C-alpha atoms as a PDB file:
ATOM      1  CA  MET A   1     117.241 121.532  20.082  1.00  0.00           C
ATOM      2  CA  GLU A   2     116.064 124.785  18.464  1.00  0.00           C
ATOM      3  CA  ILE A   3     116.045 128.022  20.387  1.00  0.00           C
ATOM      4  CA  GLU A   4     112.416 128.403  20.115  1.00  0.00           C
ATOM      5  CA  GLU A   5     111.797 124.981  21.646  1.00  0.00           C
ATOM      6  CA  LYS A   6     114.105 125.779  24.560  1.00  0.00           C
ATOM      7  CA  ILE A   7     112.197 129.177  25.082  1.00  0.00           C
ATOM      8  CA  ARG A   8     108.941 127.080  24.883  1.00  0.00           C
ATOM      9  CA  ILE A   9     110.099 124.591  27.544  1.00  0.00           C
ATOM     10  CA  LEU A  10     111.517 127.317  29.649  1.00  0.00           C
ATOM     11  CA  LYS A  11     108.310 129.265  29.767  1.00  0.00           C
ATOM     12  CA  SER A  12     106.372 126.084  30.451  1.00  0.00           C
ATOM     13  CA  LEU A  13     108.254 125.470  33.516  1.00  0.00           C
ATOM     14  CA  ASP A  14     106.632 128.450  35.289  1.00  0.00           C
ATOM     15  CA  THR A  15     109.372 129.112  37.773  1.00  0.00           C
ATOM     16  CA  LYS A  16     107.972 132.579  38.599  1.00  0.00           C
ATOM     17  CA  GLY A  17     104.601 130.968  39.583  1.00  0.00           C
ATOM     18  CA  LEU A  18     106.521 128.514  41.787  1.00  0.00           C
ATOM     19  CA  ILE A  19     108.643 131.246  43.449  1.00  0.00           C
ATOM     20  CA  GLN A  20     105.546 133.129  44.258  1.00  0.00           C
ATOM     21  CA  LYS A  21     104.033 129.876  45.853  1.00  0.00           C
ATOM     22  CA  LEU A  22     107.324 129.553  47.716  1.00  0.00           C
ATOM     23  CA  HIS A  23     106.823 132.976  49.347  1.00  0.00           C
ATOM     24  CA  GLN A  24     103.357 132.283  50.012  1.00  0.00           C
ATOM     25  CA  TYR A  25     104.163 129.031  51.835  1.00  0.00           C
ATOM     26  CA  GLU A  26     107.080 130.817  53.826  1.00  0.00           C
ATOM     27  CA  THR A  27     104.320 133.436  54.710  1.00  0.00           C
ATOM     28  CA  GLU A  28     101.691 130.893  55.890  1.00  0.00           C
ATOM     29  CA  LEU A  29     104.402 128.744  57.832  1.00  0.00           C
ATOM     30  CA  GLU A  30     105.354 132.062  59.673  1.00  0.00           C
ATOM     31  CA  LYS A  31     101.863 132.911  60.289  1.00  0.00           C
ATOM     32  CA  ALA A  32     101.012 129.511  61.676  1.00  0.00           C
ATOM     33  CA  MET A  33     104.163 129.419  63.808  1.00  0.00           C
ATOM     34  CA  ILE A  34     103.160 132.877  65.366  1.00  0.00           C
ATOM     35  CA  ASP A  35      99.712 131.880  65.915  1.00  0.00           C
ATOM     36  CA  GLU A  36     100.685 128.783  67.648  1.00  0.00           C
ATOM     37  CA  ALA A  37     103.252 130.696  69.803  1.00  0.00           C
ATOM     38  CA  LYS A  38     100.474 133.369  70.563  1.00  0.00           C
ATOM     39  CA  PHE A  39      98.015 130.763  71.608  1.00  0.00           C
ATOM     40  CA  LYS A  40     100.462 128.993  73.837  1.00  0.00           C
ATOM     41  CA  SER A  41     101.435 132.020  75.635  1.00  0.00           C
ATOM     42  CA  GLN A  42      97.719 133.048  76.042  1.00  0.00           C
ATOM     43  CA  ASN A  43      96.777 129.759  77.498  1.00  0.00           C
ATOM     44  CA  HIS A  44     100.020 128.850  79.436  1.00  0.00           C
ATOM     45  CA  ASP A  45      98.258 128.150  82.583  1.00  0.00           C
ATOM     46  CA  TYR A  46      96.429 125.247  80.811  1.00  0.00           C
ATOM     47  CA  LEU A  47      99.261 123.631  79.275  1.00  0.00           C
ATOM     48  CA  GLY A  48     101.143 120.516  80.445  1.00  0.00           C
ATOM     49  CA  SER A  49     100.658 116.828  80.841  1.00  0.00           C
ATOM     50  CA  GLY A  50      98.713 115.808  83.847  1.00  0.00           C
ATOM     51  CA  ASP A  51      97.123 118.570  85.860  1.00  0.00           C
ATOM     52  CA  CYS A  52      97.897 121.997  84.557  1.00  0.00           C
ATOM     53  CA  GLN A  53      98.887 125.060  86.684  1.00  0.00           C
ATOM     54  CA  ALA A  54      95.186 126.147  86.817  1.00  0.00           C
ATOM     55  CA  VAL A  55      93.931 122.827  87.958  1.00  0.00           C
ATOM     56  CA  LYS A  56      96.645 122.519  90.488  1.00  0.00           C
ATOM     57  CA  LYS A  57      95.944 125.961  91.929  1.00  0.00           C
ATOM     58  CA  ILE A  58      92.283 125.058  92.270  1.00  0.00           C
ATOM     59  CA  LEU A  59      93.099 121.626  93.790  1.00  0.00           C
ATOM     60  CA  ALA A  60      95.422 123.363  96.385  1.00  0.00           C
ATOM     61  CA  GLU A  61      92.489 125.803  97.471  1.00  0.00           C
ATOM     62  CA  LEU A  62      90.174 122.938  97.695  1.00  0.00           C
ATOM     63  CA  ALA A  63      92.660 120.833  99.703  1.00  0.00           C
ATOM     64  CA  VAL A  64      92.538 123.512 102.357  1.00  0.00           C
ATOM     65  CA  GLN A  65      88.727 123.183 102.546  1.00  0.00           C
ATOM     66  CA  ALA A  66      88.636 119.350 102.913  1.00  0.00           C
ATOM     67  CA  PRO A  67      86.784 118.269 105.905  1.00  0.00           C
ATOM     68  CA  GLU A  68      88.841 117.732 109.095  1.00  0.00           C
ATOM     69  CA  THR A  69      86.513 114.932 110.274  1.00  0.00           C
ATOM     70  CA  LYS A  70      84.304 112.159 108.832  1.00  0.00           C
ATOM     71  CA  LYS A  71      80.552 112.148 109.469  1.00  0.00           C
ATOM     72  CA  ASP A  72      81.078 109.712 112.349  1.00  0.00           C
ATOM     73  CA  GLY A  73      83.343 112.413 114.016  1.00  0.00           C
ATOM     74  CA  LYS A  74      86.731 110.546 113.224  1.00  0.00           C
ATOM     75  CA  LYS A  75      89.703 112.390 111.819  1.00  0.00           C
ATOM     76  CA  THR A  76      90.064 112.280 108.058  1.00  0.00           C
ATOM     77  CA  THR A  77      92.943 110.153 106.764  1.00  0.00           C
ATOM     78  CA  VAL A  78      95.130 111.157 103.716  1.00  0.00           C
ATOM     79  CA  ALA A  79      93.210 108.719 101.635  1.00  0.00           C
ATOM     80  CA  ASP A  80      89.865 110.232 102.798  1.00  0.00           C
ATOM     81  CA  ARG A  81      91.061 113.710 101.693  1.00  0.00           C
ATOM     82  CA  GLU A  82      92.444 112.433  98.417  1.00  0.00           C
ATOM     83  CA  ALA A  83      89.039 110.750  97.756  1.00  0.00           C
ATOM     84  CA  TRP A  84      87.265 114.016  98.652  1.00  0.00           C
ATOM     85  CA  LEU A  85      89.465 115.911  96.174  1.00  0.00           C
ATOM     86  CA  ALA A  86      88.817 113.231  93.424  1.00  0.00           C
ATOM     87  CA  LYS A  87      85.140 113.724  94.052  1.00  0.00           C
ATOM     88  CA  GLN A  88      85.652 117.530  93.705  1.00  0.00           C
ATOM     89  CA  ARG A  89      86.809 117.110  90.116  1.00  0.00           C
ATOM     90  CA  THR A  90      82.966 116.510  89.171  1.00  0.00           C
ATOM     91  CA  GLU A  91      81.387 118.454  91.753  1.00  0.00           C
ATOM     92  CA  SER A  92      83.258 121.681  91.958  1.00  0.00           C
ATOM     93  CA  LYS A  93      82.045 123.601  89.020  1.00  0.00           C
ATOM     94  CA  GLU A  94      85.222 125.737  88.895  1.00  0.00           C
ATOM     95  CA  LEU A  95      87.458 122.684  89.004  1.00  0.00           C
ATOM     96  CA  SER A  96      85.555 120.916  86.302  1.00  0.00           C
ATOM     97  CA  ALA A  97      85.559 123.938  84.184  1.00  0.00           C
ATOM     98  CA  ALA A  98      89.299 124.348  84.447  1.00  0.00           C
ATOM     99  CA  ILE A  99      89.641 120.619  83.492  1.00  0.00           C
ATOM    100  CA  ALA A 100      87.560 121.193  80.541  1.00  0.00           C
ATOM    101  CA  LYS A 101      89.417 124.300  79.483  1.00  0.00           C
ATOM    102  CA  GLN A 102      92.688 122.087  79.799  1.00  0.00           C
ATOM    103  CA  GLN A 103      91.167 119.622  77.392  1.00  0.00           C
ATOM    104  CA  GLN A 104      90.112 122.116  75.125  1.00  0.00           C
ATOM    105  CA  VAL A 105      93.505 123.830  75.079  1.00  0.00           C
ATOM    106  CA  ALA A 106      95.252 120.553  74.510  1.00  0.00           C
ATOM    107  CA  PHE A 107      93.180 119.800  71.507  1.00  0.00           C
ATOM    108  CA  LEU A 108      93.735 123.241  70.138  1.00  0.00           C
ATOM    109  CA  VAL A 109      97.353 123.163  70.667  1.00  0.00           C
ATOM    110  CA  ASP A 110      97.474 119.801  68.667  1.00  0.00           C
ATOM    111  CA  ASP A 111      95.561 121.783  66.064  1.00  0.00           C
ATOM    112  CA  HIS A 112      98.102 124.405  65.763  1.00  0.00           C
ATOM    113  CA  GLU A 113     100.940 121.886  65.544  1.00  0.00           C
ATOM    114  CA  ILE A 114      99.181 120.210  62.801  1.00  0.00           C
ATOM    115  CA  LYS A 115      98.870 123.443  60.977  1.00  0.00           C
ATOM    116  CA  VAL A 116     102.359 124.342  61.461  1.00  0.00           C
ATOM    117  CA  GLU A 117     103.484 120.827  60.142  1.00  0.00           C
ATOM    118  CA  MET A 118     101.270 121.187  57.105  1.00  0.00           C
ATOM    119  CA  ALA A 119     102.630 124.443  56.190  1.00  0.00           C
ATOM    120  CA  ARG A 120     106.236 123.191  56.691  1.00  0.00           C
ATOM    121  CA  ARG A 121     105.331 120.196  54.369  1.00  0.00           C
ATOM    122  CA  ARG A 122     104.016 122.455  51.715  1.00  0.00           C
ATOM    123  CA  LEU A 123     107.193 124.652  51.907  1.00  0.00           C
ATOM    124  CA  THR A 124     109.344 121.610  51.584  1.00  0.00           C
ATOM    125  CA  SER A 125     107.502 120.265  48.722  1.00  0.00           C
ATOM    126  CA  ALA A 126     107.718 123.599  46.769  1.00  0.00           C
ATOM    127  CA  THR A 127     111.437 123.748  47.735  1.00  0.00           C
ATOM    128  CA  VAL A 128     111.924 120.342  46.179  1.00  0.00           C
ATOM    129  CA  VAL A 129     109.939 121.176  43.030  1.00  0.00           C
ATOM    130  CA  LEU A 130     111.981 124.283  42.650  1.00  0.00           C
ATOM    131  CA  ALA A 131     115.323 122.365  43.013  1.00  0.00           C
ATOM    132  CA  LEU A 132     113.823 119.948  40.227  1.00  0.00           C
ATOM    133  CA  LYS A 133     113.196 122.929  38.005  1.00  0.00           C
ATOM    134  CA  THR A 134     116.478 124.442  38.669  1.00  0.00           C
ATOM    135  CA  GLN A 135     118.276 121.131  37.390  1.00  0.00           C
ATOM    136  CA  GLN A 136     116.010 121.214  34.442  1.00  0.00           C
ATOM    137  CA  LEU A 137     117.072 124.755  33.562  1.00  0.00           C
ATOM    138  CA  ALA A 138     120.768 123.759  34.077  1.00  0.00           C
ATOM    139  CA  PHE A 139     120.087 120.685  31.652  1.00  0.00           C
ATOM    140  CA  LEU A 140     118.492 122.954  29.012  1.00  0.00           C
ATOM    141  CA  ALA A 141     121.235 125.538  29.300  1.00  0.00           C
ATOM    142  CA  SER A 142     123.945 122.830  28.643  1.00  0.00           C
ATOM    143  CA  TRP A 143     122.544 122.047  25.196  1.00  0.00           C
END
């Protein structure tokens, strides 16, 4: 293989462009991870499986306000209080807003996780391509 042909092949590999993309993907991954961490930090009261801290706090406040007696004058049972609290999930504007916010936060956390994963995959792909080009360079250098 002639030296001119090797030079033409080396230039066509565009390793500089790939290295620039690699740095870009590293930056994008870092930004996505920082954004995810900030979002989780800002919305930590609405994270978690089941009821989040904010919902639990409102439920605790409402539990204190639960009626002590039924309409017929009898004392309420634990099941009656639980039923009353379940009903408050739709009737209490504050509680329903907190539940809606929790659902929204869960959706956005998933969105952030997807962005991080996509950035990680782009970076991994670019790293694999760079490794391939490195092997191609080694092969050309051995001739």
